[in-house]
Amino acid sequence: MSTAPTLPSDGLLARWAPLAPVEAGSPIRTHRAHDVFALWEAWEHEAGRIQEVPYWAVPWPGAVVLSRFVLDHPEHVQGRAVVDLGCGGAAVGIAACLAGATHVTANDTDPVALHLATRNALANGVSLDLDRRDLGQAGPDAGTQVVLAADLFYERGPTRHLLQRLREAVGHGVLVLVADGGRPFAPRSGVEPLAAATVAVDDDLEGASTRSVRVLRLLGADAAGLSGA
């Protein structure tokens, strides 16, 4: 029996995760849930089996701030090939498209997230290529010029591998911009701070009503004097 997740129906999304701006005043709209747990329960009822938590229905604080930063500073992506790493609903990748990137790849290991990334891109009048590989292991492809990464640093081991791959990419000329909402294993050194903001978040998910987010340019291992975080 297949264990592939069942895609949420149009009706379920319309009721539990309609299109809405990722934050007040943003031109970017994504399918987002007012209550992620209610959406999750409804999705499992519709599918008739257990589903993964629909993290794709949350505009995470790092993605909110990084998408805003990209729109405000299009020079970082304009005319470049961009990867939205661990994209979820792809708000950041959509921002890169709107800011003038020539090619944007939405990367996520969750096939449902990629499905929603495609829907969200269409709703914003842009298109994304899709990549389901674990780039924490493989690293970005040759030809990638910019990597955008938001709220990815939750676990020590995966973070160490991911940062190593990203620092290697920096050494090959890739611009890596990271948005961190205070995750436990985010890089604290070997970075150049570019911006900071505080955003409202879902207290049920975050255990807090706001998160402070830093936008950072990642430095390469040689420049940072580092081999890991």
N, C-alpha and C. Protein backbone atom coordinates (compact mmCIF):
# COMPACT_ATOMS: atom_id res chain seq x y z
N MET A 1 0.84 -1.19 0.00
CA MET A 1 0.00 0.00 0.00
C MET A 1 0.88 1.25 0.00
N SER A 2 0.52 2.24 -0.82
CA SER A 2 1.31 3.45 -0.91
C SER A 2 1.21 4.25 0.39
N THR A 3 2.33 4.83 0.79
CA THR A 3 2.34 5.70 1.96
C THR A 3 2.46 7.17 1.56
N ALA A 4 2.32 7.45 0.27
CA ALA A 4 2.40 8.83 -0.20
C ALA A 4 1.23 9.62 0.39
N PRO A 5 1.48 10.86 0.81
CA PRO A 5 0.40 11.66 1.40
C PRO A 5 -0.66 12.00 0.35
N THR A 6 -1.88 12.12 0.80
CA THR A 6 -2.98 12.54 -0.05
C THR A 6 -2.98 14.06 -0.12
N LEU A 7 -3.08 14.61 -1.30
CA LEU A 7 -3.09 16.07 -1.44
C LEU A 7 -4.41 16.62 -0.92
N PRO A 8 -4.37 17.74 -0.21
CA PRO A 8 -5.62 18.36 0.26
C PRO A 8 -6.46 18.83 -0.91
N SER A 9 -7.77 18.68 -0.79
CA SER A 9 -8.68 19.06 -1.86
C SER A 9 -8.82 20.58 -1.95
N ASP A 10 -9.34 21.04 -3.09
CA ASP A 10 -9.61 22.47 -3.26
C ASP A 10 -10.57 22.96 -2.18
N GLY A 11 -11.60 22.15 -1.89
CA GLY A 11 -12.58 22.57 -0.89
C GLY A 11 -11.98 22.68 0.50
N LEU A 12 -11.11 21.74 0.84
CA LEU A 12 -10.48 21.79 2.16
C LEU A 12 -9.60 23.03 2.29
N LEU A 13 -8.84 23.32 1.24
CA LEU A 13 -7.98 24.51 1.29
C LEU A 13 -8.81 25.78 1.37
N ALA A 14 -9.89 25.83 0.60
CA ALA A 14 -10.74 27.03 0.61
C ALA A 14 -11.32 27.28 2.00
N ARG A 15 -11.65 26.21 2.72
CA ARG A 15 -12.26 26.37 4.04
C ARG A 15 -11.24 26.59 5.13
N TRP A 16 -10.14 25.82 5.11
CA TRP A 16 -9.23 25.80 6.24
C TRP A 16 -7.91 26.51 5.99
N ALA A 17 -7.56 26.75 4.73
CA ALA A 17 -6.29 27.43 4.43
C ALA A 17 -6.45 28.26 3.16
N PRO A 18 -7.31 29.27 3.21
CA PRO A 18 -7.52 30.09 2.02
C PRO A 18 -6.30 30.95 1.70
N LEU A 19 -6.28 31.48 0.49
CA LEU A 19 -5.21 32.39 0.12
C LEU A 19 -5.33 33.68 0.93
N ALA A 20 -4.19 34.13 1.46
CA ALA A 20 -4.16 35.36 2.25
C ALA A 20 -2.74 35.92 2.20
N PRO A 21 -2.58 37.23 2.38
CA PRO A 21 -1.23 37.81 2.42
C PRO A 21 -0.38 37.17 3.52
N VAL A 22 0.90 37.01 3.25
CA VAL A 22 1.77 36.41 4.27
C VAL A 22 1.93 37.32 5.49
N GLU A 23 1.71 38.61 5.29
CA GLU A 23 1.63 39.58 6.39
C GLU A 23 0.85 40.77 5.87
N ALA A 24 0.37 41.60 6.76
CA ALA A 24 -0.41 42.76 6.36
C ALA A 24 0.38 43.64 5.40
N GLY A 25 -0.23 43.95 4.27
CA GLY A 25 0.40 44.80 3.28
C GLY A 25 1.29 44.09 2.28
N SER A 26 1.54 42.80 2.47
CA SER A 26 2.41 42.08 1.53
C SER A 26 1.67 41.79 0.24
N PRO A 27 2.35 41.92 -0.91
CA PRO A 27 1.73 41.54 -2.18
C PRO A 27 1.68 40.03 -2.40
N ILE A 28 2.34 39.27 -1.53
CA ILE A 28 2.45 37.82 -1.70
C ILE A 28 1.31 37.15 -0.94
N ARG A 29 0.56 36.31 -1.66
CA ARG A 29 -0.52 35.54 -1.03
C ARG A 29 -0.17 34.06 -1.09
N THR A 30 -0.41 33.38 0.00
CA THR A 30 -0.21 31.93 0.06
C THR A 30 -1.40 31.30 0.78
N HIS A 31 -1.59 30.01 0.56
CA HIS A 31 -2.57 29.28 1.34
C HIS A 31 -2.07 29.20 2.77
N ARG A 32 -2.83 29.78 3.69
CA ARG A 32 -2.39 29.79 5.08
C ARG A 32 -3.56 29.52 6.01
N ALA A 33 -3.30 28.75 7.03
CA ALA A 33 -4.33 28.34 7.97
C ALA A 33 -4.40 29.28 9.15
N HIS A 34 -5.62 29.64 9.53
CA HIS A 34 -5.79 30.39 10.78
C HIS A 34 -5.52 29.48 11.97
N ASP A 35 -5.87 28.21 11.83
CA ASP A 35 -5.66 27.21 12.88
C ASP A 35 -5.06 25.97 12.22
N VAL A 36 -3.75 25.80 12.35
CA VAL A 36 -3.05 24.70 11.69
C VAL A 36 -3.57 23.35 12.19
N PHE A 37 -3.88 23.27 13.46
CA PHE A 37 -4.31 21.98 14.00
C PHE A 37 -5.71 21.61 13.52
N ALA A 38 -6.58 22.60 13.34
CA ALA A 38 -7.90 22.33 12.76
C ALA A 38 -7.76 21.89 11.31
N LEU A 39 -6.88 22.53 10.56
CA LEU A 39 -6.61 22.10 9.19
C LEU A 39 -6.09 20.68 9.16
N TRP A 40 -5.16 20.38 10.02
CA TRP A 40 -4.56 19.04 10.08
C TRP A 40 -5.62 17.98 10.35
N GLU A 41 -6.48 18.25 11.31
CA GLU A 41 -7.54 17.30 11.65
C GLU A 41 -8.50 17.12 10.46
N ALA A 42 -8.87 18.21 9.80
CA ALA A 42 -9.77 18.13 8.66
C ALA A 42 -9.13 17.38 7.50
N TRP A 43 -7.86 17.59 7.31
CA TRP A 43 -7.14 16.91 6.22
C TRP A 43 -7.08 15.40 6.47
N GLU A 44 -6.78 15.02 7.70
CA GLU A 44 -6.74 13.59 8.02
C GLU A 44 -8.12 12.96 7.88
N HIS A 45 -9.15 13.69 8.25
CA HIS A 45 -10.52 13.17 8.09
C HIS A 45 -10.84 12.99 6.62
N GLU A 46 -10.47 13.97 5.80
CA GLU A 46 -10.72 13.88 4.37
C GLU A 46 -9.94 12.73 3.73
N ALA A 47 -8.68 12.57 4.14
CA ALA A 47 -7.82 11.55 3.55
C ALA A 47 -8.13 10.15 4.08
N GLY A 48 -8.68 10.09 5.28
CA GLY A 48 -8.96 8.80 5.89
C GLY A 48 -7.74 8.13 6.46
N ARG A 49 -6.69 8.90 6.66
CA ARG A 49 -5.47 8.34 7.27
C ARG A 49 -4.59 9.45 7.81
N ILE A 50 -3.57 9.06 8.54
CA ILE A 50 -2.67 10.01 9.17
C ILE A 50 -1.90 10.79 8.10
N GLN A 51 -1.73 12.08 8.34
CA GLN A 51 -0.95 12.94 7.45
C GLN A 51 0.11 13.68 8.27
N GLU A 52 1.14 14.13 7.59
CA GLU A 52 2.15 14.95 8.25
C GLU A 52 1.56 16.31 8.64
N VAL A 53 2.14 16.91 9.65
CA VAL A 53 1.69 18.25 10.06
C VAL A 53 1.81 19.20 8.85
N PRO A 54 0.76 19.96 8.55
CA PRO A 54 0.79 20.84 7.37
C PRO A 54 1.58 22.12 7.61
N TYR A 55 2.87 21.96 7.78
CA TYR A 55 3.73 23.12 8.01
C TYR A 55 3.69 24.10 6.84
N TRP A 56 3.32 23.59 5.66
CA TRP A 56 3.24 24.42 4.46
C TRP A 56 2.14 25.49 4.56
N ALA A 57 1.26 25.35 5.54
CA ALA A 57 0.15 26.30 5.69
C ALA A 57 0.48 27.43 6.66
N VAL A 58 1.75 27.52 7.06
CA VAL A 58 2.17 28.54 8.02
C VAL A 58 3.21 29.45 7.36
N PRO A 59 2.99 30.75 7.32
CA PRO A 59 4.06 31.66 6.90
C PRO A 59 5.01 31.87 8.08
N TRP A 60 6.04 31.05 8.16
CA TRP A 60 6.96 31.08 9.30
C TRP A 60 7.66 32.44 9.39
N PRO A 61 8.04 32.85 10.59
CA PRO A 61 8.58 34.21 10.76
C PRO A 61 9.79 34.50 9.88
N GLY A 62 10.68 33.51 9.74
CA GLY A 62 11.83 33.73 8.88
C GLY A 62 11.43 33.97 7.44
N ALA A 63 10.43 33.22 6.96
CA ALA A 63 9.97 33.39 5.58
C ALA A 63 9.28 34.73 5.39
N VAL A 64 8.51 35.16 6.39
CA VAL A 64 7.86 36.47 6.30
C VAL A 64 8.90 37.58 6.16
N VAL A 65 9.90 37.55 7.02
CA VAL A 65 10.91 38.62 7.01
C VAL A 65 11.81 38.52 5.79
N LEU A 66 12.20 37.31 5.40
CA LEU A 66 13.08 37.18 4.24
C LEU A 66 12.36 37.55 2.96
N SER A 67 11.08 37.20 2.84
CA SER A 67 10.35 37.61 1.63
C SER A 67 10.24 39.13 1.57
N ARG A 68 10.00 39.76 2.70
CA ARG A 68 9.96 41.23 2.75
C ARG A 68 11.31 41.82 2.37
N PHE A 69 12.38 41.23 2.90
CA PHE A 69 13.73 41.73 2.61
C PHE A 69 14.05 41.62 1.12
N VAL A 70 13.69 40.50 0.51
CA VAL A 70 13.97 40.31 -0.92
C VAL A 70 13.20 41.33 -1.76
N LEU A 71 11.95 41.59 -1.41
CA LEU A 71 11.19 42.58 -2.16
C LEU A 71 11.76 43.98 -1.98
N ASP A 72 12.25 44.28 -0.78
CA ASP A 72 12.81 45.61 -0.51
C ASP A 72 14.22 45.78 -1.08
N HIS A 73 14.93 44.66 -1.30
CA HIS A 73 16.30 44.71 -1.80
C HIS A 73 16.45 43.74 -2.98
N PRO A 74 15.78 44.04 -4.08
CA PRO A 74 15.76 43.11 -5.22
C PRO A 74 17.13 42.87 -5.85
N GLU A 75 18.08 43.76 -5.56
CA GLU A 75 19.41 43.61 -6.15
C GLU A 75 20.08 42.29 -5.77
N HIS A 76 19.65 41.66 -4.70
CA HIS A 76 20.25 40.40 -4.27
C HIS A 76 19.87 39.24 -5.18
N VAL A 77 18.72 39.34 -5.85
CA VAL A 77 18.23 38.21 -6.66
C VAL A 77 18.00 38.58 -8.12
N GLN A 78 17.96 39.85 -8.42
CA GLN A 78 17.59 40.30 -9.77
C GLN A 78 18.54 39.73 -10.81
N GLY A 79 17.96 39.08 -11.84
CA GLY A 79 18.75 38.52 -12.92
C GLY A 79 19.54 37.28 -12.55
N ARG A 80 19.20 36.63 -11.43
CA ARG A 80 19.97 35.48 -10.95
C ARG A 80 19.11 34.22 -10.82
N ALA A 81 19.80 33.09 -10.77
CA ALA A 81 19.15 31.80 -10.54
C ALA A 81 19.12 31.54 -9.03
N VAL A 82 17.93 31.33 -8.49
CA VAL A 82 17.71 31.32 -7.05
C VAL A 82 17.10 29.99 -6.63
N VAL A 83 17.51 29.51 -5.44
CA VAL A 83 16.88 28.35 -4.80
C VAL A 83 16.25 28.80 -3.50
N ASP A 84 14.96 28.50 -3.33
CA ASP A 84 14.27 28.69 -2.05
C ASP A 84 14.36 27.37 -1.32
N LEU A 85 15.27 27.29 -0.36
CA LEU A 85 15.63 26.04 0.30
C LEU A 85 14.65 25.74 1.44
N GLY A 86 14.09 24.52 1.45
CA GLY A 86 13.09 24.19 2.46
C GLY A 86 11.91 25.12 2.36
N CYS A 87 11.34 25.22 1.16
CA CYS A 87 10.46 26.33 0.80
C CYS A 87 9.12 26.37 1.51
N GLY A 88 8.60 25.21 1.97
CA GLY A 88 7.24 25.24 2.50
C GLY A 88 6.28 25.77 1.46
N GLY A 89 5.52 26.79 1.81
CA GLY A 89 4.59 27.39 0.86
C GLY A 89 5.22 28.30 -0.16
N ALA A 90 6.55 28.49 -0.09
CA ALA A 90 7.35 29.19 -1.11
C ALA A 90 7.13 30.70 -1.14
N ALA A 91 6.79 31.31 -0.01
CA ALA A 91 6.67 32.76 0.01
C ALA A 91 7.97 33.44 -0.40
N VAL A 92 9.11 32.89 0.04
CA VAL A 92 10.40 33.50 -0.28
C VAL A 92 10.73 33.34 -1.76
N GLY A 93 10.46 32.16 -2.30
CA GLY A 93 10.70 31.95 -3.73
C GLY A 93 9.82 32.84 -4.58
N ILE A 94 8.57 33.02 -4.18
CA ILE A 94 7.67 33.91 -4.90
C ILE A 94 8.19 35.34 -4.85
N ALA A 95 8.68 35.75 -3.68
CA ALA A 95 9.27 37.08 -3.57
C ALA A 95 10.43 37.25 -4.53
N ALA A 96 11.27 36.21 -4.65
CA ALA A 96 12.40 36.29 -5.57
C ALA A 96 11.92 36.45 -7.01
N CYS A 97 10.86 35.73 -7.38
CA CYS A 97 10.30 35.89 -8.73
C CYS A 97 9.83 37.33 -8.94
N LEU A 98 9.08 37.86 -7.99
CA LEU A 98 8.55 39.22 -8.11
C LEU A 98 9.65 40.26 -8.12
N ALA A 99 10.79 39.92 -7.50
CA ALA A 99 11.92 40.86 -7.43
C ALA A 99 12.83 40.77 -8.64
N GLY A 100 12.51 39.90 -9.60
CA GLY A 100 13.26 39.88 -10.85
C GLY A 100 14.26 38.77 -11.03
N ALA A 101 14.21 37.73 -10.20
CA ALA A 101 15.08 36.58 -10.44
C ALA A 101 14.74 35.95 -11.79
N THR A 102 15.73 35.47 -12.50
CA THR A 102 15.48 34.88 -13.81
C THR A 102 14.95 33.47 -13.72
N HIS A 103 15.26 32.78 -12.63
CA HIS A 103 14.87 31.37 -12.47
C HIS A 103 14.84 31.06 -10.99
N VAL A 104 13.73 30.51 -10.51
CA VAL A 104 13.60 30.19 -9.08
C VAL A 104 13.18 28.73 -8.92
N THR A 105 13.92 28.02 -8.11
CA THR A 105 13.62 26.63 -7.77
C THR A 105 13.12 26.56 -6.34
N ALA A 106 11.94 25.96 -6.16
CA ALA A 106 11.40 25.71 -4.84
C ALA A 106 11.84 24.32 -4.41
N ASN A 107 12.57 24.25 -3.31
CA ASN A 107 13.10 22.98 -2.83
C ASN A 107 12.46 22.62 -1.50
N ASP A 108 11.97 21.37 -1.40
CA ASP A 108 11.44 20.87 -0.14
C ASP A 108 11.36 19.35 -0.26
N THR A 109 11.61 18.64 0.83
CA THR A 109 11.50 17.18 0.81
C THR A 109 10.05 16.72 0.96
N ASP A 110 9.14 17.62 1.27
CA ASP A 110 7.73 17.29 1.44
C ASP A 110 7.00 17.52 0.11
N PRO A 111 6.46 16.46 -0.52
CA PRO A 111 5.79 16.63 -1.81
C PRO A 111 4.53 17.48 -1.71
N VAL A 112 3.87 17.48 -0.55
CA VAL A 112 2.68 18.31 -0.39
C VAL A 112 3.07 19.78 -0.36
N ALA A 113 4.18 20.08 0.31
CA ALA A 113 4.67 21.47 0.30
C ALA A 113 4.94 21.94 -1.12
N LEU A 114 5.54 21.08 -1.94
CA LEU A 114 5.82 21.47 -3.33
C LEU A 114 4.53 21.67 -4.12
N HIS A 115 3.53 20.83 -3.84
CA HIS A 115 2.22 21.02 -4.47
C HIS A 115 1.64 22.38 -4.11
N LEU A 116 1.71 22.74 -2.83
CA LEU A 116 1.20 24.05 -2.41
C LEU A 116 2.06 25.19 -2.92
N ALA A 117 3.37 24.96 -3.03
CA ALA A 117 4.24 25.99 -3.60
C ALA A 117 3.82 26.31 -5.03
N THR A 118 3.47 25.27 -5.79
CA THR A 118 3.02 25.47 -7.16
C THR A 118 1.71 26.26 -7.20
N ARG A 119 0.77 25.88 -6.34
CA ARG A 119 -0.51 26.60 -6.26
C ARG A 119 -0.30 28.06 -5.86
N ASN A 120 0.55 28.28 -4.87
CA ASN A 120 0.80 29.64 -4.42
C ASN A 120 1.47 30.48 -5.50
N ALA A 121 2.42 29.88 -6.21
CA ALA A 121 3.07 30.61 -7.30
C ALA A 121 2.07 31.03 -8.35
N LEU A 122 1.18 30.11 -8.73
CA LEU A 122 0.16 30.41 -9.72
C LEU A 122 -0.73 31.56 -9.26
N ALA A 123 -1.09 31.55 -7.99
CA ALA A 123 -1.95 32.61 -7.45
C ALA A 123 -1.27 33.97 -7.48
N ASN A 124 0.07 33.97 -7.50
CA ASN A 124 0.83 35.23 -7.55
C ASN A 124 1.33 35.57 -8.94
N GLY A 125 0.93 34.78 -9.93
CA GLY A 125 1.29 35.07 -11.32
C GLY A 125 2.72 34.77 -11.68
N VAL A 126 3.35 33.84 -10.96
CA VAL A 126 4.73 33.47 -11.25
C VAL A 126 4.83 31.96 -11.35
N SER A 127 5.98 31.46 -11.74
CA SER A 127 6.18 30.01 -11.84
C SER A 127 7.49 29.62 -11.16
N LEU A 128 7.50 28.41 -10.63
CA LEU A 128 8.65 27.88 -9.93
C LEU A 128 9.00 26.51 -10.48
N ASP A 129 10.29 26.19 -10.55
CA ASP A 129 10.71 24.81 -10.74
C ASP A 129 10.67 24.14 -9.36
N LEU A 130 10.54 22.81 -9.36
CA LEU A 130 10.42 22.07 -8.11
C LEU A 130 11.59 21.11 -7.95
N ASP A 131 12.05 20.97 -6.71
CA ASP A 131 13.17 20.08 -6.40
C ASP A 131 12.90 19.45 -5.04
N ARG A 132 12.76 18.10 -5.01
CA ARG A 132 12.42 17.42 -3.77
C ARG A 132 13.64 16.82 -3.08
N ARG A 133 14.83 17.06 -3.57
CA ARG A 133 16.02 16.46 -2.96
C ARG A 133 16.36 17.08 -1.62
N ASP A 134 17.10 16.36 -0.82
CA ASP A 134 17.63 16.88 0.44
C ASP A 134 18.93 17.62 0.13
N LEU A 135 18.85 18.92 -0.02
CA LEU A 135 20.04 19.70 -0.38
C LEU A 135 20.98 19.89 0.80
N GLY A 136 20.52 19.52 2.00
CA GLY A 136 21.44 19.49 3.13
C GLY A 136 22.51 18.42 2.94
N GLN A 137 22.21 17.41 2.16
CA GLN A 137 23.17 16.37 1.82
C GLN A 137 23.86 16.65 0.50
N ALA A 138 23.09 17.04 -0.50
CA ALA A 138 23.63 17.18 -1.85
C ALA A 138 24.26 18.53 -2.13
N GLY A 139 23.76 19.59 -1.47
CA GLY A 139 24.21 20.93 -1.79
C GLY A 139 23.53 21.43 -3.04
N PRO A 140 23.51 22.75 -3.27
CA PRO A 140 22.85 23.30 -4.46
C PRO A 140 23.57 22.92 -5.74
N ASP A 141 22.81 22.86 -6.83
CA ASP A 141 23.36 22.51 -8.13
C ASP A 141 24.32 23.59 -8.63
N ALA A 142 25.22 23.15 -9.53
CA ALA A 142 26.02 24.12 -10.27
C ALA A 142 25.07 25.01 -11.06
N GLY A 143 25.37 26.27 -11.13
CA GLY A 143 24.49 27.22 -11.80
C GLY A 143 23.63 28.01 -10.84
N THR A 144 23.47 27.52 -9.62
CA THR A 144 22.75 28.29 -8.60
C THR A 144 23.58 29.50 -8.20
N GLN A 145 22.95 30.66 -8.19
CA GLN A 145 23.66 31.88 -7.83
C GLN A 145 23.27 32.43 -6.46
N VAL A 146 22.05 32.13 -6.04
CA VAL A 146 21.56 32.61 -4.75
C VAL A 146 20.78 31.49 -4.08
N VAL A 147 21.04 31.28 -2.78
CA VAL A 147 20.23 30.37 -1.96
C VAL A 147 19.58 31.20 -0.87
N LEU A 148 18.26 31.04 -0.72
CA LEU A 148 17.49 31.70 0.31
C LEU A 148 16.99 30.63 1.28
N ALA A 149 17.26 30.80 2.57
CA ALA A 149 16.93 29.77 3.56
C ALA A 149 16.33 30.43 4.79
N ALA A 150 15.12 30.01 5.16
CA ALA A 150 14.41 30.61 6.29
C ALA A 150 13.98 29.54 7.29
N ASP A 151 14.30 29.75 8.56
CA ASP A 151 13.81 28.91 9.66
C ASP A 151 14.06 27.43 9.43
N LEU A 152 15.32 27.05 9.25
CA LEU A 152 15.65 25.66 8.97
C LEU A 152 16.49 24.99 10.07
N PHE A 153 16.86 25.71 11.10
CA PHE A 153 17.94 25.24 11.98
C PHE A 153 17.42 24.71 13.31
N TYR A 154 16.69 23.61 13.26
CA TYR A 154 16.04 23.05 14.44
C TYR A 154 16.83 21.91 15.08
N GLU A 155 17.57 21.14 14.28
CA GLU A 155 18.24 19.95 14.79
C GLU A 155 19.74 20.05 14.55
N ARG A 156 20.52 19.61 15.54
CA ARG A 156 21.98 19.80 15.49
C ARG A 156 22.62 19.11 14.28
N GLY A 157 22.37 17.81 14.12
CA GLY A 157 23.03 17.06 13.05
C GLY A 157 22.68 17.57 11.66
N PRO A 158 21.39 17.64 11.30
CA PRO A 158 21.03 18.16 9.98
C PRO A 158 21.52 19.58 9.75
N THR A 159 21.50 20.41 10.80
CA THR A 159 21.98 21.78 10.64
C THR A 159 23.47 21.81 10.32
N ARG A 160 24.25 20.97 10.99
CA ARG A 160 25.69 20.94 10.73
C ARG A 160 25.97 20.59 9.27
N HIS A 161 25.29 19.56 8.77
CA HIS A 161 25.49 19.17 7.36
C HIS A 161 25.04 20.27 6.40
N LEU A 162 23.88 20.86 6.70
CA LEU A 162 23.35 21.90 5.83
C LEU A 162 24.29 23.10 5.76
N LEU A 163 24.75 23.56 6.92
CA LEU A 163 25.63 24.72 6.92
C LEU A 163 26.96 24.42 6.23
N GLN A 164 27.44 23.20 6.36
CA GLN A 164 28.67 22.84 5.66
C GLN A 164 28.47 22.94 4.15
N ARG A 165 27.35 22.39 3.66
CA ARG A 165 27.07 22.46 2.22
C ARG A 165 26.91 23.91 1.77
N LEU A 166 26.23 24.71 2.58
CA LEU A 166 25.99 26.09 2.19
C LEU A 166 27.28 26.91 2.21
N ARG A 167 28.14 26.66 3.19
CA ARG A 167 29.41 27.39 3.22
C ARG A 167 30.30 26.99 2.05
N GLU A 168 30.23 25.73 1.67
CA GLU A 168 30.96 25.29 0.48
C GLU A 168 30.43 26.02 -0.75
N ALA A 169 29.12 26.18 -0.83
CA ALA A 169 28.53 26.91 -1.96
C ALA A 169 28.99 28.36 -1.98
N VAL A 170 29.05 28.98 -0.80
CA VAL A 170 29.56 30.35 -0.72
C VAL A 170 30.97 30.43 -1.27
N GLY A 171 31.77 29.42 -0.96
CA GLY A 171 33.14 29.39 -1.47
C GLY A 171 33.21 29.29 -2.98
N HIS A 172 32.13 28.85 -3.62
CA HIS A 172 32.07 28.78 -5.08
C HIS A 172 31.30 29.96 -5.68
N GLY A 173 31.09 31.00 -4.87
CA GLY A 173 30.52 32.23 -5.39
C GLY A 173 29.02 32.37 -5.22
N VAL A 174 28.36 31.44 -4.51
CA VAL A 174 26.92 31.52 -4.30
C VAL A 174 26.62 32.47 -3.14
N LEU A 175 25.65 33.35 -3.33
CA LEU A 175 25.17 34.21 -2.26
C LEU A 175 24.14 33.43 -1.45
N VAL A 176 24.37 33.28 -0.15
CA VAL A 176 23.44 32.55 0.72
C VAL A 176 22.89 33.53 1.75
N LEU A 177 21.59 33.75 1.70
CA LEU A 177 20.91 34.61 2.66
C LEU A 177 20.04 33.74 3.56
N VAL A 178 20.19 33.94 4.85
CA VAL A 178 19.52 33.14 5.86
C VAL A 178 18.64 34.05 6.71
N ALA A 179 17.43 33.59 7.00
CA ALA A 179 16.57 34.29 7.96
C ALA A 179 16.31 33.35 9.13
N ASP A 180 16.67 33.79 10.33
CA ASP A 180 16.55 32.93 11.51
C ASP A 180 15.65 33.59 12.54
N GLY A 181 14.62 32.84 12.93
CA GLY A 181 13.71 33.32 13.97
C GLY A 181 14.06 32.79 15.34
N GLY A 182 15.35 32.68 15.65
CA GLY A 182 15.78 32.24 16.97
C GLY A 182 15.77 30.74 17.13
N ARG A 183 16.00 30.00 16.04
CA ARG A 183 16.03 28.55 16.13
C ARG A 183 17.31 28.09 16.83
N PRO A 184 17.28 26.94 17.49
CA PRO A 184 18.36 26.59 18.43
C PRO A 184 19.73 26.40 17.81
N PHE A 185 19.80 25.99 16.52
CA PHE A 185 21.11 25.69 15.95
C PHE A 185 21.44 26.59 14.76
N ALA A 186 20.83 27.76 14.72
CA ALA A 186 21.15 28.73 13.67
C ALA A 186 22.58 29.23 13.83
N PRO A 187 23.23 29.63 12.74
CA PRO A 187 24.61 30.12 12.84
C PRO A 187 24.70 31.39 13.66
N ARG A 188 25.65 31.42 14.55
CA ARG A 188 25.88 32.61 15.39
C ARG A 188 27.15 33.35 15.01
N SER A 189 28.00 32.69 14.24
CA SER A 189 29.24 33.32 13.78
C SER A 189 29.42 32.98 12.32
N GLY A 190 30.36 33.65 11.68
CA GLY A 190 30.56 33.42 10.25
C GLY A 190 29.41 33.93 9.43
N VAL A 191 28.77 35.02 9.91
CA VAL A 191 27.65 35.62 9.21
C VAL A 191 27.80 37.14 9.20
N GLU A 192 27.17 37.76 8.24
CA GLU A 192 27.09 39.22 8.17
C GLU A 192 25.63 39.62 8.36
N PRO A 193 25.28 40.30 9.46
CA PRO A 193 23.90 40.73 9.66
C PRO A 193 23.49 41.77 8.62
N LEU A 194 22.30 41.58 8.05
CA LEU A 194 21.79 42.51 7.04
C LEU A 194 20.54 43.25 7.49
N ALA A 195 19.71 42.60 8.30
CA ALA A 195 18.46 43.22 8.73
C ALA A 195 17.93 42.45 9.93
N ALA A 196 16.98 43.07 10.63
CA ALA A 196 16.32 42.41 11.75
C ALA A 196 14.91 42.97 11.86
N ALA A 197 13.99 42.13 12.32
CA ALA A 197 12.60 42.55 12.49
C ALA A 197 11.93 41.64 13.50
N THR A 198 10.89 42.14 14.11
CA THR A 198 10.07 41.34 15.01
C THR A 198 8.69 41.18 14.38
N VAL A 199 8.20 39.95 14.35
CA VAL A 199 6.91 39.67 13.70
C VAL A 199 6.01 38.89 14.66
N ALA A 200 4.71 39.06 14.49
CA ALA A 200 3.73 38.29 15.26
C ALA A 200 3.71 36.86 14.75
N VAL A 201 3.53 35.90 15.66
CA VAL A 201 3.50 34.48 15.30
C VAL A 201 2.36 33.79 16.04
N ASP A 202 2.09 32.56 15.64
CA ASP A 202 1.06 31.74 16.26
C ASP A 202 1.59 31.20 17.59
N ASP A 203 0.99 31.63 18.68
CA ASP A 203 1.46 31.23 20.00
C ASP A 203 1.36 29.73 20.21
N ASP A 204 0.36 29.08 19.62
CA ASP A 204 0.22 27.63 19.77
C ASP A 204 1.37 26.88 19.13
N LEU A 205 1.91 27.42 18.04
CA LEU A 205 3.03 26.77 17.35
C LEU A 205 4.38 27.17 17.92
N GLU A 206 4.50 28.43 18.27
CA GLU A 206 5.81 28.99 18.63
C GLU A 206 6.05 29.09 20.13
N GLY A 207 4.98 29.01 20.92
CA GLY A 207 5.14 29.20 22.36
C GLY A 207 5.45 30.63 22.72
N ALA A 208 5.15 31.55 21.82
CA ALA A 208 5.37 32.98 22.03
C ALA A 208 4.48 33.73 21.05
N SER A 209 4.22 35.00 21.32
CA SER A 209 3.36 35.78 20.43
C SER A 209 4.15 36.54 19.37
N THR A 210 5.47 36.69 19.57
CA THR A 210 6.32 37.34 18.58
C THR A 210 7.64 36.59 18.45
N ARG A 211 8.30 36.78 17.33
CA ARG A 211 9.64 36.25 17.12
C ARG A 211 10.51 37.37 16.54
N SER A 212 11.73 37.45 17.03
CA SER A 212 12.72 38.37 16.45
C SER A 212 13.51 37.60 15.40
N VAL A 213 13.57 38.14 14.20
CA VAL A 213 14.18 37.47 13.06
C VAL A 213 15.37 38.27 12.56
N ARG A 214 16.48 37.57 12.33
CA ARG A 214 17.67 38.19 11.74
C ARG A 214 17.81 37.70 10.29
N VAL A 215 18.13 38.61 9.40
CA VAL A 215 18.52 38.24 8.04
C VAL A 215 20.03 38.34 7.96
N LEU A 216 20.67 37.25 7.54
CA LEU A 216 22.12 37.14 7.58
C LEU A 216 22.66 36.70 6.22
N ARG A 217 23.82 37.23 5.87
CA ARG A 217 24.56 36.68 4.73
C ARG A 217 25.57 35.69 5.28
N LEU A 218 25.50 34.47 4.81
CA LEU A 218 26.41 33.44 5.28
C LEU A 218 27.78 33.61 4.64
N LEU A 219 28.82 33.49 5.44
CA LEU A 219 30.19 33.56 4.95
C LEU A 219 30.71 32.15 4.68
N GLY A 220 31.67 32.03 3.80
CA GLY A 220 32.27 30.75 3.51
C GLY A 220 33.14 30.27 4.66
N ALA A 221 33.48 28.98 4.64
CA ALA A 221 34.25 28.39 5.72
C ALA A 221 35.60 29.09 5.89
N ASP A 222 36.24 29.42 4.78
CA ASP A 222 37.57 30.06 4.87
C ASP A 222 37.46 31.47 5.45
N ALA A 223 36.50 32.24 4.94
CA ALA A 223 36.35 33.62 5.40
C ALA A 223 35.92 33.65 6.87
N ALA A 224 35.10 32.67 7.25
CA ALA A 224 34.60 32.64 8.62
C ALA A 224 35.56 31.98 9.58
N GLY A 225 36.54 31.25 9.06
CA GLY A 225 37.42 30.49 9.92
C GLY A 225 36.70 29.34 10.58
N LEU A 226 35.69 28.80 9.88
CA LEU A 226 34.83 27.78 10.45
C LEU A 226 34.70 26.61 9.49
N SER A 227 34.24 25.48 10.03
CA SER A 227 33.89 24.34 9.18
C SER A 227 32.46 23.89 9.42
N GLY A 228 31.79 24.50 10.41
CA GLY A 228 30.42 24.11 10.69
C GLY A 228 29.57 25.33 10.93
N ALA A 229 28.80 25.37 12.05
CA ALA A 229 27.91 26.49 12.32
C ALA A 229 28.65 27.75 12.68
